[in-house]
Protein backbone atom coordinates (compact mmCIF):
# COMPACT_ATOMS: atom_id res chain seq x y z
CA MET A 1 -4.87 -41.08 4.71
CA LYS A 2 -8.54 -40.68 4.13
CA LYS A 3 -9.93 -41.01 0.62
CA GLU A 4 -12.27 -38.39 -0.83
CA GLY A 5 -15.88 -39.20 -0.41
CA THR A 6 -15.73 -41.31 2.76
CA PRO A 7 -18.35 -40.35 5.39
CA SER A 8 -15.78 -39.00 7.78
CA SER A 9 -14.49 -36.49 5.27
CA TYR A 10 -17.85 -34.79 5.38
CA SER A 11 -18.97 -35.27 8.99
CA ASN A 12 -15.87 -34.55 11.05
CA ASN A 13 -15.91 -30.68 11.37
CA SER A 14 -12.93 -30.76 13.76
CA GLN A 15 -10.79 -32.17 10.94
CA ASP A 16 -12.15 -29.80 8.30
CA SER A 17 -11.45 -26.63 10.34
CA PRO A 18 -7.63 -26.80 10.16
CA GLN A 19 -7.85 -27.13 6.36
CA LYS A 20 -10.14 -24.19 6.07
CA THR A 21 -7.91 -22.12 8.34
CA SER A 22 -4.89 -23.10 6.22
CA VAL A 23 -6.63 -22.02 3.00
CA LEU A 24 -7.65 -18.70 4.45
CA THR A 25 -4.16 -18.15 5.86
CA ASP A 26 -2.60 -18.96 2.43
CA LEU A 27 -4.90 -16.56 0.62
CA LYS A 28 -4.25 -13.85 3.17
CA GLU A 29 -0.49 -14.31 2.63
CA LEU A 30 -0.85 -14.47 -1.13
CA PHE A 31 -2.98 -11.32 -1.36
CA LYS A 32 -0.86 -9.45 1.23
CA ALA A 33 -4.14 -8.61 2.92
CA GLY A 34 -2.71 -5.84 5.10
CA VAL A 35 -1.23 -3.96 2.21
CA LEU A 36 -4.30 -4.48 0.13
CA ILE A 37 -6.64 -3.15 2.80
CA ALA A 38 -4.35 -0.11 3.52
CA ASN A 39 -4.67 0.95 -0.12
CA VAL A 40 -8.44 1.15 0.01
CA LEU A 41 -8.54 4.28 2.25
CA PRO A 42 -6.57 6.56 -0.17
CA VAL A 43 -8.82 5.43 -3.04
CA LEU A 44 -11.91 6.19 -0.93
CA SER A 45 -10.50 9.53 0.20
CA GLY A 46 -9.74 10.58 -3.36
CA PHE A 47 -13.25 9.54 -4.43
CA TRP A 48 -14.90 11.39 -1.47
CA LEU A 49 -12.90 14.60 -2.01
CA ALA A 50 -13.74 14.63 -5.74
CA LEU A 51 -17.41 14.53 -4.84
CA TYR A 52 -16.89 17.32 -2.31
CA PHE A 53 -15.11 19.61 -4.73
CA THR A 54 -17.58 18.98 -7.53
CA ASP A 55 -20.61 19.48 -5.19
CA SER A 56 -21.80 15.96 -6.03
CA SER A 57 -23.85 13.66 -3.82
CA MET A 58 -22.62 10.35 -2.63
CA ALA A 59 -26.08 8.97 -3.07
CA ALA A 60 -25.85 9.46 -6.79
CA TYR A 61 -22.40 7.77 -6.95
CA TRP A 62 -22.78 4.65 -4.78
CA ASP A 63 -22.57 2.34 -7.83
CA VAL A 64 -19.44 4.22 -9.10
CA LEU A 65 -17.83 3.99 -5.68
CA LEU A 66 -18.54 0.21 -5.46
CA LEU A 67 -17.05 -0.43 -8.92
CA THR A 68 -14.06 1.77 -8.14
CA ILE A 69 -13.23 -0.01 -4.88
CA ILE A 70 -13.70 -3.44 -6.42
CA GLY A 71 -11.72 -2.60 -9.58
CA SER A 72 -8.83 -0.92 -7.79
CA THR A 73 -8.64 -3.69 -5.12
CA LEU A 74 -8.56 -6.45 -7.81
CA ILE A 75 -5.82 -4.79 -9.87
CA MET A 76 -3.78 -4.15 -6.71
CA ALA A 77 -4.37 -7.79 -5.64
CA GLY A 78 -3.23 -8.99 -9.07
CA ALA A 79 -0.05 -6.89 -8.80
CA LEU A 80 0.69 -8.20 -5.27
CA ILE A 81 0.16 -11.83 -6.35
CA ILE A 82 2.47 -11.46 -9.36
CA ASN A 83 5.00 -9.96 -6.97
CA ASN A 84 4.76 -13.07 -4.78
CA TRP A 85 5.15 -15.29 -7.85
CA TYR A 86 8.21 -13.44 -9.04
CA ASP A 87 9.85 -13.10 -5.61
CA VAL A 88 9.49 -16.73 -4.56
CA ASP A 89 13.27 -17.24 -4.47
CA ILE A 90 13.99 -14.43 -2.00
CA ASP A 91 10.76 -15.08 -0.07
CA THR A 92 12.25 -18.51 0.70
CA ILE A 93 15.18 -16.78 2.43
CA MET A 94 13.33 -14.08 4.34
CA ALA A 95 11.69 -15.20 7.60
CA ARG A 96 8.69 -12.96 7.32
CA THR A 97 7.77 -14.34 3.91
CA ARG A 98 8.41 -18.02 4.34
CA LYS A 99 4.73 -18.77 5.10
CA ARG A 100 3.55 -17.53 1.73
CA PRO A 101 1.92 -20.38 -0.28
CA THR A 102 4.38 -19.70 -3.11
CA VAL A 103 7.13 -20.76 -0.74
CA THR A 104 5.32 -23.58 1.04
CA GLY A 105 4.08 -24.97 -2.26
CA HIS A 106 0.44 -24.97 -1.07
CA ILE A 107 -0.55 -23.17 -4.25
CA PRO A 108 1.35 -24.05 -7.48
CA LEU A 109 3.35 -21.21 -9.02
CA LYS A 110 1.54 -21.48 -12.34
CA THR A 111 -1.78 -21.10 -10.53
CA VAL A 112 -0.42 -18.09 -8.65
CA LEU A 113 0.64 -16.43 -11.93
CA ARG A 114 -2.65 -17.13 -13.63
CA MET A 115 -4.50 -15.70 -10.62
CA GLY A 116 -2.41 -12.57 -10.68
CA ILE A 117 -2.91 -12.00 -14.38
CA PHE A 118 -6.63 -12.74 -14.22
CA LEU A 119 -7.33 -10.42 -11.29
CA SER A 120 -5.25 -7.64 -12.91
CA ILE A 121 -7.17 -7.84 -16.14
CA VAL A 122 -10.59 -8.01 -14.41
CA GLY A 123 -9.66 -5.09 -12.17
CA LEU A 124 -8.50 -2.97 -15.09
CA PHE A 125 -11.64 -3.80 -17.05
CA ILE A 126 -13.90 -2.78 -14.10
CA LEU A 127 -12.01 0.53 -13.67
CA GLY A 128 -12.41 1.09 -17.37
CA THR A 129 -16.18 0.87 -17.03
CA VAL A 130 -15.93 3.61 -14.41
CA SER A 131 -13.70 6.00 -16.30
CA ILE A 132 -10.70 5.85 -18.60
CA GLU A 133 -8.74 8.09 -16.30
CA ALA A 134 -9.26 5.77 -13.36
CA ALA A 135 -8.12 2.84 -15.48
CA VAL A 136 -5.07 4.69 -16.66
CA TYR A 137 -3.98 5.39 -13.09
CA GLY A 138 -4.73 1.82 -12.11
CA PHE A 139 -2.56 0.60 -14.91
CA ILE A 140 0.25 2.99 -14.00
CA GLY A 141 0.17 1.69 -10.44
CA TRP A 142 0.17 -1.91 -11.68
CA PHE A 143 2.97 -1.47 -14.24
CA THR A 144 5.14 0.43 -11.83
CA TYR A 145 4.83 -2.11 -9.07
CA VAL A 146 5.04 -5.32 -11.20
CA VAL A 147 7.55 -4.35 -13.94
CA LEU A 148 9.56 -1.34 -12.82
CA TYR A 149 9.73 -2.25 -9.11
CA THR A 150 9.42 -6.04 -8.73
CA MET A 151 11.12 -7.22 -11.95
CA TRP A 152 13.58 -4.41 -12.64
CA SER A 153 14.81 -2.32 -9.67
CA LYS A 154 14.03 -4.18 -6.43
CA ARG A 155 17.14 -6.40 -6.51
CA ARG A 156 19.39 -3.94 -8.28
CA TYR A 157 19.05 -0.36 -7.06
CA THR A 158 18.31 1.40 -3.78
CA LEU A 159 16.08 3.64 -5.85
CA ASN A 160 13.66 0.77 -5.92
CA THR A 161 11.83 2.40 -3.00
CA VAL A 162 11.36 5.64 -5.00
CA ILE A 163 10.09 3.72 -8.03
CA GLY A 164 7.79 1.49 -5.94
CA SER A 165 6.34 4.52 -4.15
CA VAL A 166 4.65 5.70 -7.39
CA SER A 167 2.44 2.57 -7.40
CA GLY A 168 1.01 3.41 -3.99
CA ALA A 169 0.80 7.06 -4.62
CA VAL A 170 -1.65 6.81 -7.57
CA THR A 171 -4.41 5.24 -5.38
CA PRO A 172 -6.12 8.57 -4.51
CA LEU A 173 -5.89 9.49 -8.27
CA ILE A 174 -7.87 6.37 -9.04
CA GLY A 175 -10.64 7.41 -6.67
CA TRP A 176 -10.66 11.04 -7.79
CA GLY A 177 -10.43 10.12 -11.49
CA ALA A 178 -13.54 7.85 -11.12
CA VAL A 179 -15.56 11.11 -10.55
CA THR A 180 -13.78 13.88 -12.45
CA SER A 181 -10.53 15.03 -13.96
CA THR A 182 -7.49 14.89 -11.74
CA LEU A 183 -6.21 18.27 -13.07
CA HIS A 184 -6.78 19.83 -9.69
CA ILE A 185 -4.39 20.76 -6.89
CA VAL A 186 -5.97 18.49 -4.25
CA PRO A 187 -5.38 15.09 -5.96
CA ILE A 188 -1.88 16.18 -7.02
CA ILE A 189 -1.04 16.96 -3.41
CA LEU A 190 -2.59 13.59 -2.25
CA PHE A 191 -0.17 11.94 -4.73
CA PHE A 192 2.82 13.74 -3.33
CA ILE A 193 1.80 13.09 0.31
CA LEU A 194 1.60 9.28 -0.34
CA PHE A 195 4.73 9.32 -2.48
CA VAL A 196 6.95 11.10 0.06
CA TRP A 197 5.38 9.22 3.01
CA GLN A 198 6.23 5.83 1.56
CA MET A 199 9.98 6.60 1.70
CA PRO A 200 10.52 6.81 5.53
CA HIS A 201 7.79 4.15 5.99
CA THR A 202 9.65 1.64 3.70
CA PHE A 203 13.01 2.59 5.14
CA ALA A 204 11.80 1.86 8.62
CA ILE A 205 10.69 -1.57 7.54
CA ALA A 206 13.97 -2.15 5.80
CA MET A 207 15.87 -1.24 8.96
CA LYS A 208 13.73 -3.58 11.03
CA LYS A 209 14.25 -6.44 8.52
CA TYR A 210 17.87 -5.53 7.76
CA GLU A 211 19.28 -9.04 8.26
CA GLU A 212 16.56 -10.59 6.08
CA TYR A 213 16.99 -8.15 3.21
CA LYS A 214 20.76 -8.57 3.42
CA ALA A 215 20.55 -12.34 3.30
CA ALA A 216 18.17 -12.17 0.31
CA GLY A 217 20.34 -9.75 -1.53
CA VAL A 218 17.69 -7.05 -1.86
CA ALA A 219 19.17 -3.64 -2.55
CA MET A 220 17.45 -1.75 0.27
CA LEU A 221 19.09 1.50 1.35
CA PRO A 222 20.06 0.32 4.91
CA VAL A 223 21.66 -2.79 3.46
CA VAL A 224 23.72 -0.91 0.77
CA TYR A 225 24.58 2.26 2.51
CA GLY A 226 23.96 1.71 6.19
CA PHE A 227 21.67 3.07 8.91
CA SER A 228 23.26 6.56 9.15
CA VAL A 229 22.56 7.40 5.51
CA THR A 230 19.05 5.88 5.83
CA LYS A 231 18.28 8.09 8.85
CA ARG A 232 19.40 11.17 7.05
CA GLN A 233 17.28 10.40 3.98
CA MET A 234 14.27 9.65 6.19
CA LEU A 235 14.61 13.05 7.82
CA VAL A 236 14.87 14.77 4.42
CA TYR A 237 11.78 13.07 3.04
CA ILE A 238 9.73 13.72 6.20
CA ALA A 239 10.77 17.37 6.01
CA CYS A 240 9.34 17.43 2.48
CA LEU A 241 5.96 16.52 3.94
CA LEU A 242 5.89 19.72 6.09
CA PRO A 243 4.73 22.25 3.41
CA LEU A 244 2.22 19.94 1.64
CA PRO A 245 -0.77 20.57 3.97
CA LEU A 246 -0.54 24.34 3.12
CA TYR A 247 -1.58 23.40 -0.42
CA LEU A 248 -4.81 21.86 1.01
CA ILE A 249 -5.96 25.05 2.66
CA SER A 250 -9.27 24.47 0.78
CA LEU A 251 -9.90 21.69 3.33
CA GLY A 252 -9.95 24.23 6.12
CA ILE A 253 -7.51 25.61 8.69
CA PRO A 254 -8.23 22.86 11.26
CA PHE A 255 -6.93 20.27 8.73
CA VAL A 256 -3.81 22.21 7.93
CA VAL A 257 -3.03 22.74 11.65
CA LEU A 258 -3.59 19.13 12.61
CA ALA A 259 -1.64 17.82 9.60
CA THR A 260 1.22 20.16 10.45
CA ILE A 261 1.29 18.96 14.05
CA LEU A 262 1.50 15.37 12.76
CA ASN A 263 4.35 16.36 10.49
CA ILE A 264 6.25 18.10 13.27
CA GLY A 265 5.85 14.93 15.44
CA PHE A 266 7.14 12.89 12.56
CA ILE A 267 10.20 15.18 12.20
CA GLY A 268 10.87 15.06 15.89
CA LEU A 269 10.82 11.31 16.03
CA SER A 270 13.11 11.17 13.01
CA ILE A 271 15.65 13.48 14.63
CA LEU A 272 15.57 11.32 17.72
CA GLY A 273 16.95 8.47 15.61
CA PHE A 274 20.36 10.15 15.51
CA PHE A 275 20.72 9.81 19.29
CA VAL A 276 19.23 6.37 20.01
CA LYS A 277 21.21 3.27 20.81
CA ASP A 278 18.66 0.77 19.77
CA ASP A 279 18.10 1.25 16.03
CA TRP A 280 15.62 -1.61 15.72
CA LYS A 281 13.34 -0.19 18.49
CA TRP A 282 13.53 3.29 16.97
CA ALA A 283 12.70 1.96 13.44
CA HIS A 284 9.71 0.13 14.92
CA HIS A 285 8.44 3.30 16.45
CA MET A 286 8.93 5.08 13.09
CA PHE A 287 6.98 2.33 11.36
CA LEU A 288 4.09 2.58 13.82
CA TYR A 289 4.06 6.36 13.60
CA SER A 290 4.02 6.28 9.81
CA VAL A 291 1.14 3.83 9.67
CA ASN A 292 -0.96 5.86 12.08
CA TYR A 293 0.11 9.09 10.40
CA LEU A 294 -1.28 8.08 7.04
CA THR A 295 -4.51 6.73 8.47
CA ILE A 296 -5.21 9.86 10.42
CA ILE A 297 -4.34 12.17 7.55
CA PHE A 298 -6.70 10.48 5.10
CA LEU A 299 -9.53 10.02 7.61
CA LEU A 300 -9.11 13.63 8.62
CA MET A 301 -9.55 14.66 5.01
CA ILE A 302 -12.90 12.88 4.96
CA ALA A 303 -13.96 14.11 8.42
CA VAL A 304 -13.36 17.89 7.72
CA THR A 305 -15.45 17.70 4.59
CA LEU A 306 -18.44 15.94 6.06
CA PRO A 307 -21.62 18.08 5.89
CA VAL A 308 -21.79 18.28 9.74
CA PHE A 309 -18.54 20.32 9.72
CA GLN A 310 -19.61 22.65 6.93
């Protein structure tokens, strides 16, 4: 084993690279990078639409946008890290989470907890400098995810998905609240779109990872009540998405039409689940559709309100 400070420890780049890659991989797993990045778009969409409906200029709000993105990302990162710290026992059992540094021991659990708390506080403080309303929604998302979902309901109740969905659904409210009051139909509908969408999205993941959740003793709906009940609930929730675009008529008829087409496709794929033989394959298709659905919906909201389309 090389000692620190020897010439080779500084000059041999081929030996340094694996360590750097390992650190980056550990941080990516710890922060749940994919989830973190996915939550930025709703925050941005909420912010952009608030500017649009208040006839404000993005040029005058660049600093506010930057602080909002940084603050919301940090508080979400803090929540995700604390989730990793708390769930280390079940993460050890589940194959998809065994590479997390909390499981491998690459980062001490005390360090993980301190990082989670520190980032949460810094993120909340930054959002507080933007607006109290943005900070309140940031805290609601953090508290719901860390306390109500991770520590209370995840291992006990199938309603954990409903509870956890609140944390993701407040993200556009953070963005909107950074600009103006959220007492407006648009941010409320954005909340409901995200809240309802997360149900079939999460159920699809739970079906794909059924054996892992079952082994870890996590009370996901497919594990407790089976696939048939899960498919029926997925269809019900997706059907609840159908009328929501109608409340966003202020974004224009093209948006309502395209969003409705996406919803009909979602419903059609959900109904197909009652006739398939390969549940895993169908759940995977549902997962992919849900991810693309959300991305398209929120990008579409921005696109139809760009000056070029006005």
